[in-house]
Amino acid sequence: MKIGFGKQKQNMKKTVAAAGLLLILAVFALFQNFAREDSLLEIVLRQAKSEVYLHMLKTASPVLFYEKQEKTAAEQLVDLILQTVPVYGYVTDEKEYTTQAESDISYETIIAREASDENYVDEKTGEVVTTDSQEENPSTETGNPQEETKEQKKQADTNGEFVPNDTPVVTYAMDKLNDFDYLIQNFYVVDRTTTINSSQLNAADLLSRSMKLTHGAKSPQILIYHTHSQERFADSIPGDANTSIVGAGEYLKQRLEGYGFHVLHHTGEYDVDGRDDAYAKAGPAVEQILKENPSIEIVIDLHRDGVAEGTHLVTDVQGKQTASIMFFNGLSRTTKNGDISYLPNPYIQDNLAFSLQMQLAAQQYYPGFSRMIYLKGYRYNMHYCPKTLLVEAGAQTNTVQEIMNAMEPLADLIAKVVSP
């Protein structure tokens, strides 16, 4: 008897809860239609024309619709609400893209995490050290990357010589880009360590910020460096920096100089004794270079990713096997603790603008070449210059040639975005 009475009491509580929720729905409907001279029932039924509202009414009060329900009204209403109502974020302009929270961590731990935050390969074990899986490229809105255009076929017949593509293969409507949900789903991967909202990822604002160079090539304009200079590739020659990420940086410098830019390539090594404090070591050097060369407007930290051995980040660009690239941004914000006051970056919005403009150009001119922009919670020395890019070129499973091939469209995209 006690068990039966308890269950009856529990069902009564659920029924009361359902009635309360239905009353809230009715009040919400009344509030939205307060200016209309209709009865409360008419207002509720008008709202019920929506499929969701109708389903909720049917669930909460099956007697009104003469439908047999397998669950109690309370259970069905609660199930429906849990399935369909992440209300906040869809009824405000400041929609928050939230991710799994992390635990409280110390300043020292955050600095160490920032230093080793990217995927990398442990030199001793050969295992990939990774914090999160990275998604593949989003599908493009228009165009078919697998179908060669006449221009692409023409370029593929130039004996392997890269010819800049000046005709967009894909176009994006601005109203699509201004939709936060569309933008986040098609252009970004947000790591669990951080959050981003529509005020920061406002396409109209980010695309309106000029990344153009403001002076000529008589003095240095672009700096290339490597926080992780020891990163190698599948067929790199031990001890030969020309076959490492540093060699890729030198080739990128040459390609950019071909466009008329004045480029400095800094080959300082900051991770020889480990990655734990590479950013802390590289920071002062970058700051000193910028102090000595105030004309530098663009800073590029060139890396390569670390992936599982069965993963091959490669695409076809003008008939050549080319490593995919990825733009990487730090937001100086953790999910749990919010903005990191001791890792300030006054240029976060400019950094985001630069990577988005580069990503959009990549998708337009070389679809499939660039993976989605990756957002994480720390800073990565992107606070020294507004126009800063952190680029991941391929991974340890790519060949040196695939990486070198990637520098060609990358240089062209940089030229397209920053040329006056």
Protein backbone atom coordinates (compact mmCIF):
# COMPACT_ATOMS: atom_id res chain seq x y z
CA MET A 1 0.00 0.00 0.00
CA LYS A 2 2.81 2.41 0.84
CA ILE A 3 4.43 1.80 -2.53
CA GLY A 4 1.17 2.41 -4.38
CA PHE A 5 0.45 5.53 -2.38
CA GLY A 6 3.97 6.85 -3.04
CA LYS A 7 3.62 6.31 -6.77
CA GLN A 8 0.22 8.03 -6.73
CA LYS A 9 1.73 10.95 -4.87
CA GLN A 10 4.62 11.11 -7.37
CA ASN A 11 2.20 11.14 -10.33
CA MET A 12 0.21 13.91 -8.63
CA LYS A 13 3.38 16.01 -8.33
CA LYS A 14 4.15 15.46 -12.03
CA THR A 15 0.61 16.45 -12.96
CA VAL A 16 0.89 19.63 -10.90
CA ALA A 17 4.25 20.38 -12.54
CA ALA A 18 2.74 19.87 -15.99
CA ALA A 19 -0.15 22.16 -15.15
CA GLY A 20 2.30 24.78 -13.95
CA LEU A 21 4.30 24.58 -17.16
CA LEU A 22 1.12 24.82 -19.22
CA LEU A 23 0.15 27.91 -17.24
CA ILE A 24 3.56 29.45 -17.94
CA LEU A 25 3.02 28.75 -21.65
CA ALA A 26 -0.38 30.43 -21.50
CA VAL A 27 1.04 33.50 -19.73
CA PHE A 28 3.86 33.68 -22.29
CA ALA A 29 1.30 33.56 -25.09
CA LEU A 30 -0.82 36.21 -23.37
CA PHE A 31 2.22 38.47 -22.93
CA GLN A 32 3.09 38.19 -26.62
CA ASN A 33 -0.46 39.04 -27.69
CA PHE A 34 -1.48 41.51 -24.97
CA ALA A 35 -2.54 44.06 -27.58
CA ARG A 36 -5.11 41.76 -29.18
CA GLU A 37 -8.67 41.67 -27.90
CA ASP A 38 -8.95 37.89 -27.79
CA SER A 39 -9.76 35.44 -25.05
CA LEU A 40 -6.94 33.58 -23.31
CA LEU A 41 -8.05 30.32 -24.96
CA GLU A 42 -7.91 31.89 -28.44
CA ILE A 43 -4.44 33.21 -27.73
CA VAL A 44 -3.16 29.85 -26.52
CA LEU A 45 -4.70 28.04 -29.48
CA ARG A 46 -3.18 30.57 -31.87
CA GLN A 47 0.24 29.84 -30.38
CA ALA A 48 -0.54 26.15 -30.66
CA LYS A 49 -0.58 26.42 -34.44
CA SER A 50 3.15 26.15 -34.19
CA GLU A 51 4.16 22.50 -34.30
CA VAL A 52 6.15 22.69 -31.08
CA TYR A 53 3.42 24.47 -29.13
CA LEU A 54 0.80 22.08 -30.50
CA HIS A 55 2.92 19.10 -29.50
CA MET A 56 3.40 20.55 -26.02
CA LEU A 57 -0.33 21.10 -25.59
CA LYS A 58 -1.12 17.61 -26.77
CA THR A 59 1.46 16.19 -24.40
CA ALA A 60 0.32 18.18 -21.38
CA SER A 61 -3.43 17.79 -21.95
CA PRO A 62 -4.18 14.72 -24.09
CA VAL A 63 -7.85 14.86 -23.10
CA LEU A 64 -8.27 17.99 -25.23
CA PHE A 65 -7.18 16.09 -28.34
CA TYR A 66 -8.56 12.62 -27.60
CA GLU A 67 -5.23 10.92 -28.18
CA LYS A 68 -4.02 7.93 -26.19
CA GLN A 69 -0.62 8.53 -24.61
CA GLU A 70 1.81 5.80 -23.50
CA LYS A 71 3.46 8.10 -20.92
CA THR A 72 1.80 10.35 -18.42
CA ALA A 73 1.18 13.93 -19.48
CA ALA A 74 3.81 15.18 -17.08
CA GLU A 75 6.46 12.77 -18.31
CA GLN A 76 5.83 13.61 -21.98
CA LEU A 77 5.87 17.36 -21.34
CA VAL A 78 9.16 17.17 -19.44
CA ASP A 79 10.69 14.94 -22.15
CA LEU A 80 9.61 17.35 -24.88
CA ILE A 81 10.97 20.38 -23.08
CA LEU A 82 14.32 18.71 -22.48
CA GLN A 83 14.54 17.77 -26.16
CA THR A 84 13.42 21.05 -27.68
CA VAL A 85 14.20 23.93 -25.36
CA PRO A 86 17.73 25.23 -25.13
CA VAL A 87 15.79 28.50 -25.01
CA TYR A 88 18.53 30.89 -23.94
CA GLY A 89 20.77 31.78 -26.85
CA TYR A 90 17.95 31.48 -29.35
CA VAL A 91 15.88 34.32 -27.91
CA THR A 92 18.73 36.79 -27.34
CA ASP A 93 21.22 38.46 -29.61
CA GLU A 94 24.18 37.40 -27.45
CA LYS A 95 24.11 33.68 -28.23
CA GLU A 96 26.84 31.85 -26.36
CA TYR A 97 28.63 28.91 -27.94
CA THR A 98 29.31 26.95 -24.78
CA THR A 99 31.49 23.92 -24.41
CA GLN A 100 32.37 21.44 -21.68
CA ALA A 101 33.67 23.18 -18.58
CA GLU A 102 37.12 22.54 -17.24
CA SER A 103 38.23 22.50 -13.63
CA ASP A 104 39.93 25.38 -11.85
CA ILE A 105 43.60 25.48 -12.78
CA SER A 106 46.54 27.50 -11.57
CA TYR A 107 48.46 30.17 -13.41
CA GLU A 108 51.45 27.84 -13.85
CA THR A 109 49.24 25.10 -15.24
CA ILE A 110 47.63 27.45 -17.75
CA ILE A 111 51.02 28.66 -18.95
CA ALA A 112 52.18 25.05 -19.35
CA ARG A 113 49.00 24.14 -21.19
CA GLU A 114 49.37 27.08 -23.51
CA ALA A 115 52.88 25.94 -24.35
CA SER A 116 51.84 22.39 -25.23
CA ASP A 117 48.27 23.09 -26.28
CA GLU A 118 48.53 22.07 -29.91
CA ASN A 119 48.62 18.45 -30.98
CA TYR A 120 52.17 17.17 -31.26
CA VAL A 121 54.12 13.93 -31.55
CA ASP A 122 56.09 12.73 -28.53
CA GLU A 123 59.62 12.23 -29.84
CA LYS A 124 60.30 9.39 -27.37
CA THR A 125 57.15 7.31 -27.77
CA GLY A 126 56.00 8.38 -31.23
CA GLU A 127 52.49 8.92 -29.85
CA VAL A 128 50.32 11.89 -30.73
CA VAL A 129 49.61 14.09 -27.72
CA THR A 130 46.26 15.74 -28.32
CA THR A 131 43.63 17.52 -26.27
CA ASP A 132 40.73 17.40 -28.70
CA SER A 133 39.89 15.91 -32.09
CA GLN A 134 39.77 18.42 -34.90
CA GLU A 135 36.95 18.42 -37.40
CA GLU A 136 37.36 18.16 -41.12
CA ASN A 137 36.64 20.96 -43.55
CA PRO A 138 33.04 22.14 -43.78
CA SER A 139 31.13 21.60 -46.99
CA THR A 140 31.13 24.67 -49.19
CA GLU A 141 27.97 26.63 -49.83
CA THR A 142 28.22 26.69 -53.60
CA GLY A 143 30.42 25.06 -56.18
CA ASN A 144 31.89 21.56 -56.34
CA PRO A 145 35.53 21.31 -55.23
CA GLN A 146 35.85 17.96 -57.01
CA GLU A 147 34.88 19.45 -60.38
CA GLU A 148 37.73 21.21 -62.13
CA THR A 149 36.99 24.54 -63.75
CA LYS A 150 38.60 25.52 -67.03
CA GLU A 151 40.89 27.87 -65.12
CA GLN A 152 42.02 25.04 -62.81
CA LYS A 153 42.67 22.70 -65.75
CA LYS A 154 44.71 25.44 -67.39
CA GLN A 155 46.75 25.85 -64.21
CA ALA A 156 47.28 22.09 -63.86
CA ASP A 157 48.94 22.05 -67.28
CA THR A 158 51.76 24.43 -66.32
CA ASN A 159 54.32 21.68 -65.58
CA GLY A 160 53.60 21.85 -61.85
CA GLU A 161 54.24 25.58 -61.57
CA PHE A 162 51.77 27.24 -59.23
CA VAL A 163 49.60 29.87 -60.90
CA PRO A 164 47.51 32.06 -58.57
CA ASN A 165 43.80 31.50 -58.98
CA ASP A 166 42.15 34.88 -59.45
CA THR A 167 38.67 33.49 -60.08
CA PRO A 168 36.64 32.46 -57.01
CA VAL A 169 35.40 28.88 -57.13
CA VAL A 170 32.95 29.36 -54.25
CA THR A 171 30.97 32.41 -53.16
CA TYR A 172 29.29 33.15 -49.84
CA ALA A 173 26.26 35.36 -49.32
CA MET A 174 26.78 38.00 -46.64
CA ASP A 175 23.43 37.24 -45.00
CA LYS A 176 24.67 33.68 -44.42
CA LEU A 177 27.94 34.85 -42.91
CA ASN A 178 26.05 37.25 -40.64
CA ASP A 179 24.14 34.32 -39.17
CA PHE A 180 26.11 33.32 -36.06
CA ASP A 181 24.95 29.69 -36.14
CA TYR A 182 25.90 29.33 -39.81
CA LEU A 183 29.27 30.98 -39.24
CA ILE A 184 30.21 28.87 -36.23
CA GLN A 185 29.11 25.62 -37.87
CA ASN A 186 30.85 26.19 -41.18
CA PHE A 187 34.02 28.10 -40.30
CA TYR A 188 35.02 27.20 -36.74
CA VAL A 189 35.85 24.45 -34.29
CA VAL A 190 35.52 25.69 -30.70
CA ASP A 191 37.62 23.80 -28.20
CA ARG A 192 36.10 22.76 -24.88
CA THR A 193 38.53 25.05 -23.05
CA THR A 194 36.82 28.22 -24.21
CA THR A 195 33.61 29.96 -25.30
CA ILE A 196 32.72 32.41 -28.04
CA ASN A 197 29.63 34.54 -28.65
CA SER A 198 27.99 36.46 -31.47
CA SER A 199 29.46 39.77 -30.35
CA GLN A 200 32.98 38.43 -30.99
CA LEU A 201 32.12 36.45 -34.09
CA ASN A 202 30.27 39.18 -35.93
CA ALA A 203 31.10 38.62 -39.61
CA ALA A 204 30.13 42.15 -40.66
CA ASP A 205 32.57 43.60 -38.13
CA LEU A 206 35.39 41.11 -38.72
CA LEU A 207 35.23 41.36 -42.50
CA SER A 208 35.11 45.16 -42.40
CA ARG A 209 38.42 45.43 -40.51
CA SER A 210 41.19 46.23 -42.95
CA MET A 211 44.11 43.83 -43.02
CA LYS A 212 45.78 45.79 -45.82
CA LEU A 213 49.38 46.87 -45.48
CA THR A 214 49.77 50.59 -45.00
CA HIS A 215 53.29 51.14 -46.37
CA GLY A 216 55.56 49.91 -49.13
CA ALA A 217 58.31 47.29 -49.16
CA LYS A 218 61.26 49.62 -48.50
CA SER A 219 61.17 48.44 -44.89
CA PRO A 220 60.09 45.06 -43.40
CA GLN A 221 56.36 44.36 -43.59
CA ILE A 222 55.97 40.71 -42.57
CA LEU A 223 57.63 38.58 -39.88
CA ILE A 224 57.64 34.76 -40.03
CA TYR A 225 58.85 32.79 -37.02
CA HIS A 226 58.35 29.39 -35.35
CA THR A 227 57.52 28.86 -31.69
CA HIS A 228 58.03 25.14 -32.36
CA SER A 229 61.03 25.03 -34.67
CA GLN A 230 61.70 21.32 -34.07
CA GLU A 231 58.56 20.13 -35.83
CA ARG A 232 59.38 17.65 -38.59
CA PHE A 233 57.56 15.70 -41.31
CA ALA A 234 57.30 12.12 -42.53
CA ASP A 235 60.47 12.23 -44.64
CA SER A 236 62.38 15.04 -42.91
CA ILE A 237 66.13 14.51 -42.74
CA PRO A 238 67.39 14.52 -39.14
CA GLY A 239 69.49 17.61 -38.50
CA ASP A 240 68.43 19.31 -41.74
CA ALA A 241 66.35 22.37 -40.87
CA ASN A 242 65.47 22.83 -44.53
CA THR A 243 63.23 19.76 -44.25
CA SER A 244 61.51 20.99 -41.07
CA ILE A 245 58.86 23.61 -40.40
CA VAL A 246 61.70 26.15 -40.54
CA GLY A 247 62.37 25.15 -44.14
CA ALA A 248 58.68 25.63 -44.90
CA GLY A 249 58.92 29.11 -43.38
CA GLU A 250 61.86 29.95 -45.63
CA TYR A 251 59.93 28.85 -48.71
CA LEU A 252 56.91 30.88 -47.60
CA LYS A 253 59.23 33.89 -47.28
CA GLN A 254 60.45 33.37 -50.85
CA ARG A 255 56.91 33.02 -52.19
CA LEU A 256 55.80 36.21 -50.42
CA GLU A 257 58.81 38.09 -51.74
CA GLY A 258 57.66 37.03 -55.18
CA TYR A 259 54.54 39.12 -54.56
CA GLY A 260 56.72 42.12 -53.72
CA PHE A 261 56.58 41.94 -49.91
CA HIS A 262 59.50 42.68 -47.60
CA VAL A 263 59.71 39.64 -45.29
CA LEU A 264 61.86 38.77 -42.27
CA HIS A 265 62.21 35.08 -41.38
CA HIS A 266 63.31 34.56 -37.78
CA THR A 267 64.74 31.07 -37.21
CA GLY A 268 65.26 31.21 -33.44
CA GLU A 269 64.75 27.90 -31.60
CA TYR A 270 62.58 27.90 -28.49
CA ASP A 271 61.55 24.26 -28.06
CA VAL A 272 64.88 22.42 -28.21
CA ASP A 273 64.67 21.54 -24.52
CA GLY A 274 60.92 20.83 -24.65
CA ARG A 275 57.68 22.56 -25.47
CA ASP A 276 56.63 23.49 -21.94
CA ASP A 277 57.88 27.07 -22.07
CA ALA A 278 58.33 27.62 -25.81
CA TYR A 279 55.81 30.49 -25.97
CA ALA A 280 57.36 32.13 -22.90
CA LYS A 281 60.80 31.94 -24.55
CA ALA A 282 59.66 33.07 -28.00
CA GLY A 283 57.62 36.04 -26.75
CA PRO A 284 60.48 38.36 -25.77
CA ALA A 285 62.32 37.61 -29.02
CA VAL A 286 59.26 38.51 -31.10
CA GLU A 287 58.75 41.65 -29.03
CA GLN A 288 62.37 42.70 -29.60
CA ILE A 289 62.14 42.12 -33.37
CA LEU A 290 59.00 44.25 -33.56
CA LYS A 291 60.69 46.95 -31.50
CA GLU A 292 63.69 46.99 -33.84
CA ASN A 293 61.45 46.88 -36.93
CA PRO A 294 58.40 49.04 -36.19
CA SER A 295 57.38 48.85 -39.85
CA ILE A 296 56.34 45.17 -39.47
CA GLU A 297 52.55 44.93 -39.67
CA ILE A 298 52.02 41.18 -40.02
CA VAL A 299 53.30 38.40 -37.79
CA ILE A 300 53.01 34.72 -38.79
CA ASP A 301 53.81 31.90 -36.38
CA LEU A 302 54.12 28.84 -38.64
CA HIS A 303 53.60 25.37 -37.15
CA ARG A 304 52.56 21.89 -38.17
CA ASP A 305 49.88 19.80 -36.47
CA GLY A 306 50.13 16.41 -34.78
CA VAL A 307 47.66 13.71 -35.83
CA ALA A 308 47.16 9.96 -35.62
CA GLU A 309 49.46 8.02 -37.92
CA GLY A 310 46.53 6.95 -40.10
CA THR A 311 45.51 10.56 -40.76
CA HIS A 312 46.84 12.33 -43.85
CA LEU A 313 45.97 16.03 -44.14
CA VAL A 314 46.29 16.43 -47.87
CA THR A 315 44.26 17.91 -50.70
CA ASP A 316 44.69 18.57 -54.41
CA VAL A 317 45.66 22.07 -55.50
CA GLN A 318 46.25 22.48 -59.23
CA GLY A 319 47.03 18.78 -59.62
CA LYS A 320 49.59 18.70 -56.79
CA GLN A 321 49.34 16.84 -53.49
CA THR A 322 49.19 19.69 -50.99
CA ALA A 323 49.08 19.64 -47.20
CA SER A 324 45.96 21.20 -45.68
CA ILE A 325 46.40 24.21 -43.43
CA MET A 326 44.50 25.45 -40.40
CA PHE A 327 44.26 28.89 -38.80
CA PHE A 328 44.39 28.88 -35.00
CA ASN A 329 43.19 31.56 -32.56
CA GLY A 330 43.52 32.00 -28.82
CA LEU A 331 40.75 33.85 -26.98
CA SER A 332 42.45 34.42 -23.58
CA ARG A 333 39.33 32.98 -21.98
CA THR A 334 38.60 29.67 -20.26
CA THR A 335 35.15 28.17 -20.00
CA LYS A 336 35.31 27.85 -16.24
CA ASN A 337 37.00 31.08 -15.20
CA GLY A 338 36.18 33.52 -17.99
CA ASP A 339 38.68 36.06 -19.33
CA ILE A 340 42.27 35.38 -18.26
CA SER A 341 43.37 38.71 -16.80
CA TYR A 342 47.06 37.78 -16.71
CA LEU A 343 47.06 36.78 -20.41
CA PRO A 344 45.54 39.95 -21.91
CA ASN A 345 45.33 40.38 -25.65
CA PRO A 346 44.02 43.76 -26.85
CA TYR A 347 44.06 42.47 -30.43
CA ILE A 348 41.76 39.45 -30.16
CA GLN A 349 39.17 40.94 -32.53
CA ASP A 350 41.83 41.87 -35.07
CA ASN A 351 43.35 38.39 -34.80
CA LEU A 352 39.88 36.89 -35.40
CA ALA A 353 39.32 39.25 -38.32
CA PHE A 354 42.60 38.23 -39.96
CA SER A 355 41.97 34.48 -39.66
CA LEU A 356 38.36 34.79 -40.87
CA GLN A 357 39.37 36.85 -43.90
CA MET A 358 42.09 34.30 -44.68
CA GLN A 359 39.69 31.39 -44.21
CA LEU A 360 37.04 32.97 -46.40
CA ALA A 361 39.60 33.62 -49.14
CA ALA A 362 40.84 30.03 -48.87
CA GLN A 363 37.33 28.65 -49.23
CA GLN A 364 36.62 30.93 -52.18
CA TYR A 365 39.78 30.37 -54.19
CA TYR A 366 41.11 26.97 -53.05
CA PRO A 367 38.19 24.98 -51.58
CA GLY A 368 39.35 22.14 -49.36
CA PHE A 369 42.80 23.61 -48.78
CA SER A 370 42.02 25.05 -45.35
CA ARG A 371 40.51 23.19 -42.41
CA MET A 372 38.13 25.05 -40.10
CA ILE A 373 39.55 27.76 -37.83
CA TYR A 374 40.37 26.33 -34.41
CA LEU A 375 39.59 28.40 -31.31
CA LYS A 376 41.22 27.69 -27.95
CA GLY A 377 41.38 29.28 -24.56
CA TYR A 378 44.82 30.81 -24.18
CA ARG A 379 46.92 33.48 -25.98
CA TYR A 380 49.82 31.99 -28.00
CA ASN A 381 51.78 35.25 -28.29
CA MET A 382 49.14 36.74 -30.58
CA HIS A 383 49.04 39.93 -28.50
CA TYR A 384 52.11 41.63 -29.99
CA CYS A 385 50.53 42.61 -33.30
CA PRO A 386 46.93 43.10 -34.49
CA LYS A 387 47.55 41.25 -37.77
CA THR A 388 48.84 37.99 -36.33
CA LEU A 389 48.30 34.54 -37.79
CA LEU A 390 49.07 31.20 -36.17
CA VAL A 391 49.08 28.68 -39.02
CA GLU A 392 49.19 24.89 -38.73
CA ALA A 393 50.56 23.51 -42.02
CA GLY A 394 49.82 19.81 -42.40
CA ALA A 395 51.09 17.36 -39.78
CA GLN A 396 53.90 14.92 -39.08
CA THR A 397 52.35 12.45 -41.54
CA ASN A 398 52.77 14.81 -44.50
CA THR A 399 55.82 14.74 -46.73
CA VAL A 400 58.13 17.71 -46.96
CA GLN A 401 57.02 18.26 -50.56
CA GLU A 402 53.34 18.38 -49.55
CA ILE A 403 54.19 21.04 -46.99
CA MET A 404 56.23 23.06 -49.48
CA ASN A 405 53.35 22.85 -51.96
CA ALA A 406 51.06 24.30 -49.28
CA MET A 407 53.21 27.42 -48.99
CA GLU A 408 52.26 28.40 -52.55
CA PRO A 409 48.48 28.89 -52.11
CA LEU A 410 49.10 30.16 -48.56
CA ALA A 411 51.33 32.95 -49.89
CA ASP A 412 48.75 33.77 -52.54
CA LEU A 413 45.97 33.98 -49.94
CA ILE A 414 48.06 36.28 -47.76
CA ALA A 415 48.70 38.49 -50.78
CA LYS A 416 44.99 38.57 -51.62
CA VAL A 417 44.04 39.64 -48.09
CA VAL A 418 46.81 42.15 -47.24
CA SER A 419 47.77 43.75 -50.56
CA PRO A 420 46.66 47.41 -50.69
